[in-house]
N, C-alpha and C. Protein backbone atom coordinates (compact mmCIF):
# COMPACT_ATOMS: atom_id res chain seq x y z
N MET A 1 -11.50 -47.64 0.95
CA MET A 1 -11.11 -47.41 -0.53
C MET A 1 -10.11 -45.99 0.48
N THR A 2 -8.80 -46.10 -0.43
CA THR A 2 -8.04 -44.94 -0.42
C THR A 2 -7.15 -44.87 -1.21
N PHE A 3 -7.04 -44.27 -1.76
CA PHE A 3 -6.42 -43.09 -2.76
C PHE A 3 -4.56 -42.74 -2.68
N PRO A 4 -4.11 -43.35 -3.46
CA PRO A 4 -2.23 -42.94 -3.27
C PRO A 4 -2.51 -41.22 -3.26
N PHE A 5 -1.56 -40.78 -2.59
CA PHE A 5 -0.86 -39.64 -2.65
C PHE A 5 -0.23 -39.37 -4.08
N THR A 6 -0.40 -38.38 -4.56
CA THR A 6 0.11 -37.65 -5.97
C THR A 6 -0.05 -36.56 -5.75
N PRO A 7 0.80 -35.80 -6.25
CA PRO A 7 1.10 -34.24 -6.63
C PRO A 7 -0.43 -33.81 -7.25
N ARG A 8 -0.54 -34.08 -7.64
CA ARG A 8 -2.15 -34.01 -8.49
C ARG A 8 -3.11 -33.44 -7.67
N ARG A 9 -3.09 -34.58 -6.79
CA ARG A 9 -4.61 -34.94 -5.55
C ARG A 9 -4.05 -33.77 -4.93
N ALA A 10 -2.60 -33.80 -4.06
CA ALA A 10 -2.46 -32.72 -3.05
C ALA A 10 -2.62 -31.10 -3.93
N ALA A 11 -2.41 -30.78 -5.14
CA ALA A 11 -2.96 -29.80 -5.32
C ALA A 11 -4.51 -29.23 -5.75
N LEU A 12 -4.99 -30.08 -6.10
CA LEU A 12 -6.71 -30.07 -6.15
C LEU A 12 -6.83 -30.06 -4.53
N GLY A 13 -6.45 -30.97 -4.00
CA GLY A 13 -7.00 -30.29 -2.68
C GLY A 13 -6.59 -29.41 -1.89
N ALA A 14 -5.87 -28.47 -2.55
CA ALA A 14 -5.58 -27.01 -1.65
C ALA A 14 -5.97 -25.76 -2.19
N ALA A 15 -6.46 -26.51 -3.37
CA ALA A 15 -7.45 -25.44 -4.50
C ALA A 15 -8.67 -25.49 -3.76
N LEU A 16 -9.31 -26.44 -3.94
CA LEU A 16 -10.28 -26.59 -2.97
C LEU A 16 -10.42 -25.74 -1.40
N LEU A 17 -9.26 -26.51 -0.70
CA LEU A 17 -9.66 -25.68 0.50
C LEU A 17 -9.38 -23.99 0.68
N THR A 18 -8.50 -23.67 -0.42
CA THR A 18 -8.15 -22.40 -0.35
C THR A 18 -9.45 -21.40 -1.34
N THR A 19 -10.51 -22.03 -1.70
CA THR A 19 -11.34 -21.15 -2.33
C THR A 19 -12.72 -21.58 -1.29
N LEU A 20 -13.06 -22.54 -0.94
CA LEU A 20 -14.06 -22.47 1.11
C LEU A 20 -13.00 -21.49 2.13
N LEU A 21 -11.93 -20.91 1.90
CA LEU A 21 -11.48 -20.24 2.94
C LEU A 21 -11.59 -18.64 2.35
N MET A 22 -11.69 -18.67 1.00
CA MET A 22 -12.05 -17.58 0.14
C MET A 22 -13.35 -17.34 0.65
N ALA A 23 -14.35 -17.78 0.71
CA ALA A 23 -15.68 -17.80 1.05
C ALA A 23 -16.04 -18.09 2.14
N GLY A 24 -15.59 -18.21 3.29
CA GLY A 24 -15.73 -18.04 4.17
C GLY A 24 -15.22 -16.44 4.95
N CYS A 25 -14.17 -15.58 4.20
CA CYS A 25 -13.61 -14.45 4.55
C CYS A 25 -14.43 -13.50 3.39
N GLY A 26 -15.49 -14.08 3.22
CA GLY A 26 -16.00 -12.92 2.25
C GLY A 26 -15.81 -12.40 1.26
N SER A 27 -14.84 -12.97 0.28
CA SER A 27 -14.51 -12.39 -0.97
C SER A 27 -15.45 -12.74 -1.78
N THR A 28 -15.23 -11.74 -2.54
CA THR A 28 -16.19 -11.66 -3.97
C THR A 28 -15.46 -11.75 -4.92
N GLY A 29 -16.32 -13.00 -5.54
CA GLY A 29 -15.26 -13.48 -7.23
C GLY A 29 -16.31 -13.24 -8.27
N PRO A 30 -15.92 -13.84 -9.36
CA PRO A 30 -17.18 -13.97 -10.57
C PRO A 30 -18.37 -14.21 -10.21
N GLY A 31 -18.53 -15.04 -9.65
CA GLY A 31 -20.02 -15.43 -9.42
C GLY A 31 -20.74 -14.92 -8.31
N ALA A 32 -20.02 -14.06 -7.54
CA ALA A 32 -20.75 -13.39 -6.45
C ALA A 32 -21.83 -12.13 -7.02
N THR A 33 -22.68 -12.14 -6.43
CA THR A 33 -23.77 -11.41 -6.72
C THR A 33 -23.33 -9.62 -6.10
N SER A 34 -23.89 -8.32 -6.50
CA SER A 34 -23.42 -7.21 -5.81
C SER A 34 -25.17 -7.22 -5.13
N HIS A 35 -24.74 -6.55 -3.99
CA HIS A 35 -25.97 -5.96 -3.21
C HIS A 35 -25.93 -4.43 -3.73
N GLY A 36 -24.83 -3.59 -3.52
CA GLY A 36 -25.27 -2.48 -3.38
C GLY A 36 -25.26 -1.60 -4.97
N SER A 37 -24.91 -0.31 -5.22
CA SER A 37 -24.68 0.46 -5.88
C SER A 37 -23.57 -0.04 -7.15
N VAL A 38 -22.79 -0.26 -6.78
CA VAL A 38 -20.94 -0.94 -7.67
C VAL A 38 -21.18 -2.46 -7.16
N PRO A 39 -20.28 -3.15 -8.52
CA PRO A 39 -20.20 -4.18 -8.06
C PRO A 39 -19.19 -4.95 -7.10
N GLY A 40 -19.28 -5.89 -6.67
CA GLY A 40 -18.63 -6.76 -5.52
C GLY A 40 -19.08 -6.04 -4.11
N GLN A 41 -19.84 -5.35 -4.06
CA GLN A 41 -20.64 -5.07 -2.84
C GLN A 41 -20.90 -5.55 -1.80
N LEU A 42 -20.98 -5.54 -0.58
CA LEU A 42 -21.25 -6.61 -0.08
C LEU A 42 -22.48 -6.15 0.96
N SER A 43 -22.74 -4.90 1.11
CA SER A 43 -24.47 -4.27 1.44
C SER A 43 -25.17 -3.46 0.38
N ASP A 44 -26.19 -3.00 1.30
CA ASP A 44 -27.05 -2.35 0.30
C ASP A 44 -26.63 -0.81 0.48
N ALA A 45 -25.48 -0.34 0.98
CA ALA A 45 -25.20 0.90 1.23
C ALA A 45 -24.61 1.56 -0.43
N THR A 46 -25.24 2.95 0.03
CA THR A 46 -25.33 4.26 -1.02
C THR A 46 -24.56 5.43 -0.27
N SER A 47 -24.04 6.19 -1.36
CA SER A 47 -23.31 7.26 -0.77
C SER A 47 -24.48 8.09 -0.23
N ALA A 48 -24.03 8.77 0.66
CA ALA A 48 -24.97 9.80 1.22
C ALA A 48 -25.36 10.79 0.42
N PRO A 49 -26.60 11.97 0.54
CA PRO A 49 -26.78 12.75 -0.70
C PRO A 49 -25.72 13.74 0.06
N ALA A 50 -25.40 14.27 -0.96
CA ALA A 50 -24.26 15.85 -1.25
C ALA A 50 -24.66 16.52 -0.15
N GLN A 51 -24.14 17.46 1.11
CA GLN A 51 -24.24 18.10 1.87
C GLN A 51 -23.54 19.16 1.31
N SER A 52 -22.58 19.46 0.70
CA SER A 52 -22.21 20.81 -0.07
C SER A 52 -22.03 20.46 -1.82
N PRO A 53 -21.49 21.14 -2.72
CA PRO A 53 -21.41 21.31 -4.01
C PRO A 53 -20.49 20.58 -4.10
N ALA A 54 -20.19 20.01 -5.73
CA ALA A 54 -19.80 18.44 -5.62
C ALA A 54 -18.15 19.31 -5.43
N ARG A 55 -17.50 18.50 -5.29
CA ARG A 55 -16.43 18.65 -4.99
C ARG A 55 -14.93 18.05 -6.07
N THR A 56 -14.04 18.78 -6.77
CA THR A 56 -12.85 18.22 -7.39
C THR A 56 -11.70 18.20 -7.06
N PRO A 57 -10.99 16.56 -6.33
CA PRO A 57 -9.99 16.61 -5.50
C PRO A 57 -8.80 16.71 -6.71
N ARG A 58 -7.71 17.40 -5.93
CA ARG A 58 -6.24 17.42 -6.46
C ARG A 58 -6.29 16.35 -7.36
N SER A 59 -5.37 16.10 -8.33
CA SER A 59 -5.37 15.17 -9.15
C SER A 59 -4.16 14.18 -8.28
N SER A 60 -3.46 12.70 -8.30
CA SER A 60 -2.43 12.29 -8.04
C SER A 60 -1.39 12.39 -9.36
N ASN A 61 -0.43 12.28 -8.57
CA ASN A 61 0.87 12.08 -9.53
C ASN A 61 1.45 10.53 -8.96
N ALA A 62 0.91 10.22 -8.56
CA ALA A 62 1.69 8.39 -8.07
C ALA A 62 1.76 7.75 -9.96
N ALA A 63 2.63 7.15 -9.29
CA ALA A 63 3.84 6.52 -10.71
C ALA A 63 2.94 4.69 -10.38
N ASN A 64 2.37 4.51 -9.19
CA ASN A 64 1.97 2.87 -9.08
C ASN A 64 1.01 3.22 -7.98
N PRO A 65 0.30 1.92 -8.42
CA PRO A 65 -0.79 1.73 -6.89
C PRO A 65 -0.47 1.83 -5.44
N ARG A 66 0.77 1.40 -5.47
CA ARG A 66 1.18 1.18 -4.32
C ARG A 66 1.24 2.94 -3.39
N ASP A 67 2.48 4.05 -5.04
CA ASP A 67 2.03 5.18 -4.41
C ASP A 67 0.33 5.70 -4.18
N TYR A 68 -0.54 5.48 -5.14
CA TYR A 68 -1.61 6.27 -4.89
C TYR A 68 -2.33 5.81 -3.71
N ARG A 69 -1.84 4.70 -3.05
CA ARG A 69 -2.61 4.47 -1.46
C ARG A 69 -2.76 5.64 -0.82
N ARG A 70 -1.59 5.94 -0.25
CA ARG A 70 -1.31 7.50 0.47
C ARG A 70 -2.39 8.50 -0.10
N ASP A 71 -2.66 8.43 -1.59
CA ASP A 71 -3.58 9.63 -1.97
C ASP A 71 -4.50 9.68 -1.71
N ALA A 72 -5.36 8.31 -1.76
CA ALA A 72 -6.53 7.94 -1.61
C ALA A 72 -6.88 7.56 0.33
N ALA A 73 -6.25 7.16 0.88
CA ALA A 73 -5.63 7.23 1.83
C ALA A 73 -6.05 8.80 2.52
N ARG A 74 -5.62 9.59 2.00
CA ARG A 74 -5.43 11.44 2.73
C ARG A 74 -6.82 11.65 2.41
N HIS A 75 -7.08 11.44 1.06
CA HIS A 75 -8.73 12.08 0.53
C HIS A 75 -9.72 11.52 1.84
N ILE A 76 -9.70 10.04 2.02
CA ILE A 76 -10.53 9.26 2.81
C ILE A 76 -10.60 10.26 4.28
N TYR A 77 -9.35 10.41 4.53
CA TYR A 77 -9.01 11.18 6.13
C TYR A 77 -9.71 12.91 5.66
N ASP A 78 -9.21 13.22 4.99
CA ASP A 78 -9.75 14.59 4.57
C ASP A 78 -11.52 14.57 4.69
N ALA A 79 -11.86 13.68 4.12
CA ALA A 79 -13.33 13.84 4.17
C ALA A 79 -13.99 13.37 5.07
N ASN A 80 -13.24 12.65 6.87
CA ASN A 80 -13.84 12.12 7.54
C ASN A 80 -13.08 12.29 8.62
N GLY A 81 -12.87 13.86 8.69
CA GLY A 81 -12.01 14.01 9.88
C GLY A 81 -12.20 13.45 11.31
N ASP A 82 -13.18 13.84 11.35
CA ASP A 82 -14.35 13.61 13.08
C ASP A 82 -14.41 12.09 13.50
N ARG A 83 -13.92 11.10 12.17
CA ARG A 83 -14.30 9.94 12.73
C ARG A 83 -12.85 9.10 12.46
N ILE A 84 -11.98 9.46 12.37
CA ILE A 84 -10.51 9.23 12.66
C ILE A 84 -10.29 8.80 13.86
N TYR A 85 -9.78 7.47 14.01
CA TYR A 85 -9.13 7.69 15.82
C TYR A 85 -8.05 8.21 15.73
N PRO A 86 -8.13 8.73 16.84
CA PRO A 86 -6.83 10.01 17.31
C PRO A 86 -5.53 8.99 17.70
N GLY A 87 -4.59 9.15 17.39
CA GLY A 87 -3.77 8.51 17.98
C GLY A 87 -3.12 6.59 17.85
N LYS A 88 -2.14 5.69 19.16
CA LYS A 88 -2.29 4.22 18.28
C LYS A 88 -3.78 4.20 18.90
N LEU A 89 -3.85 3.35 18.13
CA LEU A 89 -5.27 2.46 18.23
C LEU A 89 -5.29 1.29 19.34
N PRO A 90 -6.69 1.30 19.82
CA PRO A 90 -6.50 0.19 21.10
C PRO A 90 -5.81 -1.07 20.61
N PRO A 91 -4.82 -1.94 21.36
CA PRO A 91 -4.57 -3.28 21.25
C PRO A 91 -5.80 -4.31 20.65
N VAL A 92 -6.62 -4.74 20.99
CA VAL A 92 -7.62 -4.90 20.23
C VAL A 92 -8.69 -4.53 19.33
N LEU A 93 -8.77 -4.77 18.25
CA LEU A 93 -9.99 -3.74 17.66
C LEU A 93 -11.54 -4.55 17.11
N TYR A 94 -12.32 -3.59 17.23
CA TYR A 94 -13.37 -4.25 16.61
C TYR A 94 -13.83 -5.02 15.48
N ALA A 95 -13.09 -4.19 14.38
CA ALA A 95 -12.92 -5.25 12.48
C ALA A 95 -11.85 -4.35 12.31
N VAL A 96 -11.39 -5.69 11.04
CA VAL A 96 -10.74 -5.18 10.72
C VAL A 96 -10.62 -5.75 8.98
N GLY A 97 -11.25 -4.93 7.97
CA GLY A 97 -11.06 -5.18 6.71
C GLY A 97 -10.16 -5.05 5.54
N THR A 98 -10.45 -5.53 5.02
CA THR A 98 -9.15 -5.15 3.54
C THR A 98 -10.29 -5.17 1.70
N LEU A 99 -9.99 -4.32 1.66
CA LEU A 99 -10.84 -3.41 0.60
C LEU A 99 -10.15 -3.36 -0.77
N GLN A 100 -10.25 -3.77 -1.86
CA GLN A 100 -9.81 -3.57 -3.19
C GLN A 100 -10.86 -2.11 -3.75
N VAL A 101 -11.02 -1.12 -3.76
CA VAL A 101 -11.58 -0.04 -4.40
C VAL A 101 -11.11 -0.01 -5.93
N HIS A 102 -12.04 -0.31 -6.92
CA HIS A 102 -12.15 0.19 -8.50
C HIS A 102 -12.38 1.24 -8.64
N LEU A 103 -11.05 2.39 -9.25
CA LEU A 103 -11.54 3.62 -9.65
C LEU A 103 -11.30 3.49 -11.49
N ASP A 104 -11.94 4.58 -11.91
CA ASP A 104 -11.30 5.11 -13.15
C ASP A 104 -10.83 6.13 -13.10
N ALA A 105 -11.04 6.61 -14.16
CA ALA A 105 -9.36 7.73 -14.55
C ALA A 105 -9.70 8.85 -14.20
N GLN A 106 -10.83 9.17 -13.88
CA GLN A 106 -11.79 10.53 -13.23
C GLN A 106 -11.76 10.33 -11.57
N GLY A 107 -11.37 8.74 -11.20
CA GLY A 107 -12.04 8.94 -9.40
C GLY A 107 -13.05 8.72 -9.12
N LYS A 108 -13.46 7.91 -10.24
CA LYS A 108 -15.28 7.61 -9.73
C LYS A 108 -15.21 5.90 -9.46
N VAL A 109 -15.66 5.57 -8.19
CA VAL A 109 -16.00 4.02 -8.00
C VAL A 109 -16.46 3.31 -8.57
N THR A 110 -15.50 2.29 -9.35
CA THR A 110 -16.78 1.39 -10.64
C THR A 110 -16.80 0.29 -9.66
N ALA A 111 -16.00 -0.68 -8.41
CA ALA A 111 -16.11 -1.96 -8.33
C ALA A 111 -15.69 -1.77 -6.83
N MET A 112 -15.83 -3.05 -5.98
CA MET A 112 -15.35 -3.35 -5.00
C MET A 112 -15.45 -4.58 -5.02
N HIS A 113 -13.70 -4.96 -3.95
CA HIS A 113 -13.39 -6.41 -3.73
C HIS A 113 -13.22 -6.43 -2.75
N TRP A 114 -13.81 -6.95 -1.63
CA TRP A 114 -13.53 -7.63 -0.33
C TRP A 114 -12.35 -9.01 -0.29
N MET A 115 -11.24 -8.24 0.45
CA MET A 115 -9.96 -9.41 0.28
C MET A 115 -10.31 -10.12 1.55
N ARG A 116 -10.87 -9.35 2.52
CA ARG A 116 -11.04 -9.78 4.15
C ARG A 116 -11.74 -8.70 4.35
N ALA A 117 -13.10 -9.01 4.38
CA ALA A 117 -14.61 -8.80 4.81
C ALA A 117 -14.81 -9.22 6.36
N PRO A 118 -15.03 -8.10 7.18
CA PRO A 118 -15.41 -8.58 8.42
C PRO A 118 -16.97 -9.14 9.26
N GLN A 119 -16.83 -10.36 8.22
CA GLN A 119 -18.27 -10.77 8.58
C GLN A 119 -18.52 -10.62 10.10
N HIS A 120 -18.02 -10.86 10.77
CA HIS A 120 -18.85 -10.55 11.88
C HIS A 120 -19.21 -9.47 12.18
N ALA A 121 -19.43 -8.29 11.48
CA ALA A 121 -19.60 -6.95 11.88
C ALA A 121 -20.34 -6.32 10.68
N PRO A 122 -21.39 -6.78 10.14
CA PRO A 122 -21.90 -6.30 9.05
C PRO A 122 -21.95 -5.22 8.86
N GLU A 123 -22.09 -4.66 9.80
CA GLU A 123 -22.42 -2.91 9.88
C GLU A 123 -21.17 -2.09 9.95
N VAL A 124 -20.08 -2.61 10.12
CA VAL A 124 -18.98 -1.98 9.54
C VAL A 124 -18.85 -2.38 7.99
N ILE A 125 -19.31 -3.83 7.41
CA ILE A 125 -18.79 -3.64 5.99
C ILE A 125 -19.87 -2.80 5.67
N ALA A 126 -21.14 -2.18 5.75
CA ALA A 126 -21.34 -1.49 5.40
C ALA A 126 -21.37 -0.03 5.76
N GLU A 127 -20.47 0.05 6.48
CA GLU A 127 -20.27 1.37 6.86
C GLU A 127 -18.86 2.00 6.01
N ILE A 128 -18.27 0.94 5.88
CA ILE A 128 -17.05 1.01 5.18
C ILE A 128 -17.35 1.74 3.67
N GLU A 129 -18.06 0.73 3.45
CA GLU A 129 -18.61 1.08 1.85
C GLU A 129 -19.56 2.24 1.80
N ARG A 130 -20.28 2.22 2.37
CA ARG A 130 -20.55 4.19 2.60
C ARG A 130 -19.85 5.09 2.35
N THR A 131 -18.58 5.19 3.25
CA THR A 131 -17.89 6.11 3.68
C THR A 131 -16.92 6.19 1.56
N VAL A 132 -16.78 4.73 2.01
CA VAL A 132 -15.97 4.81 0.41
C VAL A 132 -16.49 5.82 -1.25
N LEU A 133 -18.22 5.51 -0.70
CA LEU A 133 -18.64 5.98 -1.97
C LEU A 133 -19.09 7.39 -1.81
N ALA A 134 -19.11 7.75 -0.37
CA ALA A 134 -19.48 9.17 -0.33
C ALA A 134 -18.60 9.97 -0.59
N ALA A 135 -17.38 9.39 -0.58
CA ALA A 135 -15.64 9.78 -0.47
C ALA A 135 -15.42 10.15 -2.27
N ALA A 136 -16.38 9.87 -3.05
CA ALA A 136 -15.78 10.04 -4.24
C ALA A 136 -16.34 11.33 -5.08
N PRO A 137 -15.48 11.67 -5.74
CA PRO A 137 -14.26 11.29 -6.61
C PRO A 137 -13.37 11.46 -6.19
N TYR A 138 -12.32 10.47 -5.93
CA TYR A 138 -11.06 10.15 -5.43
C TYR A 138 -10.13 11.05 -6.44
N PRO A 139 -8.99 11.41 -6.01
CA PRO A 139 -7.72 11.97 -6.89
C PRO A 139 -7.46 11.01 -8.40
N ALA A 140 -7.91 11.99 -9.50
CA ALA A 140 -7.68 10.94 -10.75
C ALA A 140 -6.22 11.15 -10.64
N ALA A 141 -5.67 9.83 -10.91
CA ALA A 141 -4.49 8.64 -11.00
C ALA A 141 -3.98 9.61 -12.21
N THR A 142 -3.24 10.89 -12.86
CA THR A 142 -2.97 11.10 -14.16
C THR A 142 -2.05 10.74 -14.53
N GLN A 143 -1.10 9.80 -14.12
CA GLN A 143 -0.44 8.90 -14.55
C GLN A 143 -0.76 7.28 -14.63
N LEU A 144 -1.65 6.81 -13.73
CA LEU A 144 -1.95 5.33 -13.75
C LEU A 144 -3.31 5.20 -14.72
N GLY A 145 -4.06 6.29 -15.22
CA GLY A 145 -5.70 6.00 -15.49
C GLY A 145 -6.43 5.33 -14.30
N PRO A 146 -7.31 4.41 -15.08
CA PRO A 146 -7.90 3.56 -14.01
C PRO A 146 -7.06 2.87 -12.79
N VAL A 147 -7.22 2.62 -11.81
CA VAL A 147 -6.25 2.48 -10.67
C VAL A 147 -6.94 1.22 -10.02
N ILE A 148 -6.35 0.43 -8.60
CA ILE A 148 -6.87 -0.38 -7.95
C ILE A 148 -6.15 -0.10 -6.62
N TRP A 149 -7.24 0.56 -5.32
CA TRP A 149 -6.80 1.13 -4.45
C TRP A 149 -6.87 -0.13 -3.77
N THR A 150 -5.99 -0.72 -2.98
CA THR A 150 -6.21 -1.68 -2.10
C THR A 150 -6.00 -0.83 -0.41
N ASP A 151 -6.86 -0.71 0.78
CA ASP A 151 -6.21 -0.67 1.95
C ASP A 151 -7.06 -1.62 3.02
N THR A 152 -6.50 -1.27 4.18
CA THR A 152 -7.04 -1.86 5.47
C THR A 152 -7.69 -1.27 6.45
N TRP A 153 -8.73 -1.72 6.65
CA TRP A 153 -9.42 -0.68 7.67
C TRP A 153 -9.19 -1.39 8.64
N LEU A 154 -9.10 -0.39 9.36
CA LEU A 154 -8.78 -1.20 11.36
C LEU A 154 -10.18 -0.09 11.87
N TRP A 155 -10.73 -0.57 12.78
CA TRP A 155 -12.23 -0.42 13.35
C TRP A 155 -12.20 -0.50 14.49
N ASP A 156 -12.20 0.53 15.67
CA ASP A 156 -12.26 0.11 16.98
C ASP A 156 -13.99 0.15 17.23
N GLN A 157 -13.98 -0.12 18.37
CA GLN A 157 -15.78 -0.28 19.13
C GLN A 157 -16.32 0.83 18.90
N GLY A 158 -15.65 1.80 19.07
CA GLY A 158 -16.71 3.15 19.17
C GLY A 158 -17.17 3.61 17.79
N GLY A 159 -17.00 2.53 16.51
CA GLY A 159 -17.14 3.60 15.33
C GLY A 159 -16.07 4.37 14.36
N LYS A 160 -14.67 4.48 15.55
CA LYS A 160 -13.55 5.70 15.08
C LYS A 160 -12.55 4.25 14.02
N PHE A 161 -11.94 5.11 13.05
CA PHE A 161 -11.24 4.13 12.16
C PHE A 161 -9.96 4.86 11.93
N GLN A 162 -8.84 4.10 11.59
CA GLN A 162 -7.91 4.08 10.86
C GLN A 162 -7.83 3.54 9.30
N LEU A 163 -6.62 3.78 8.61
CA LEU A 163 -6.55 3.00 7.18
C LEU A 163 -4.85 2.75 7.85
N ASP A 164 -4.30 1.26 7.17
CA ASP A 164 -3.42 1.11 7.16
C ASP A 164 -2.36 1.78 6.46
N THR A 165 -2.31 2.13 5.46
CA THR A 165 -1.89 3.51 5.03
C THR A 165 -1.31 4.40 5.71
N LEU A 166 -2.24 5.15 6.28
CA LEU A 166 -1.56 6.05 7.70
C LEU A 166 -2.09 5.94 9.08
N THR A 167 -1.88 4.51 9.26
CA THR A 167 -2.69 4.24 10.90
C THR A 167 -0.59 4.81 11.69
N GLU A 168 -1.19 4.62 13.32
CA GLU A 168 -0.32 5.30 13.64
C GLU A 168 0.14 4.56 15.09
N GLY A 169 -0.37 3.01 14.22
CA GLY A 169 -0.41 1.74 15.12
C GLY A 169 -1.10 1.32 16.04
N GLN A 170 -0.64 0.44 16.87
CA GLN A 170 -1.42 0.12 18.33
C GLN A 170 -0.41 0.07 19.47
N GLN A 171 -1.41 0.32 20.67
CA GLN A 171 -0.75 0.14 21.80
C GLN A 171 -0.45 -1.00 22.44
């Protein structure tokens, strides 16, 4: 039995294919279960106990989420100076992941959503989530209130990283 091609069937097929591909990329959606301390986490990572007294980061005057990316990325770099890959990254990376981090008006992490999770490297997923949680609170977005920060994490084999927002490029 054959089914004639119709625009409706094509749209349904495309929607099904997109859903299957997103599931394979580690995307979290409304039906996904949370493993960690905030909705959308793929690992059981939690932030490490504070080594120093709680710090209040400077505020962000970003006017939109795209501008806020730089402030959040700089905040991660400041908290992880020894883990940032110096210079240009190697041509082949161990893992690349794109993560949305939902922040409340005070800079607290309220949820995570993996747009592209490095499923081949679950230890990197856990380490990124741990790094995000440990760096909280983030700069409060005074003009935005709650904000979603999206960035791509570029991870080398040795465990050092750069964020796409502040990357120095690749060799």
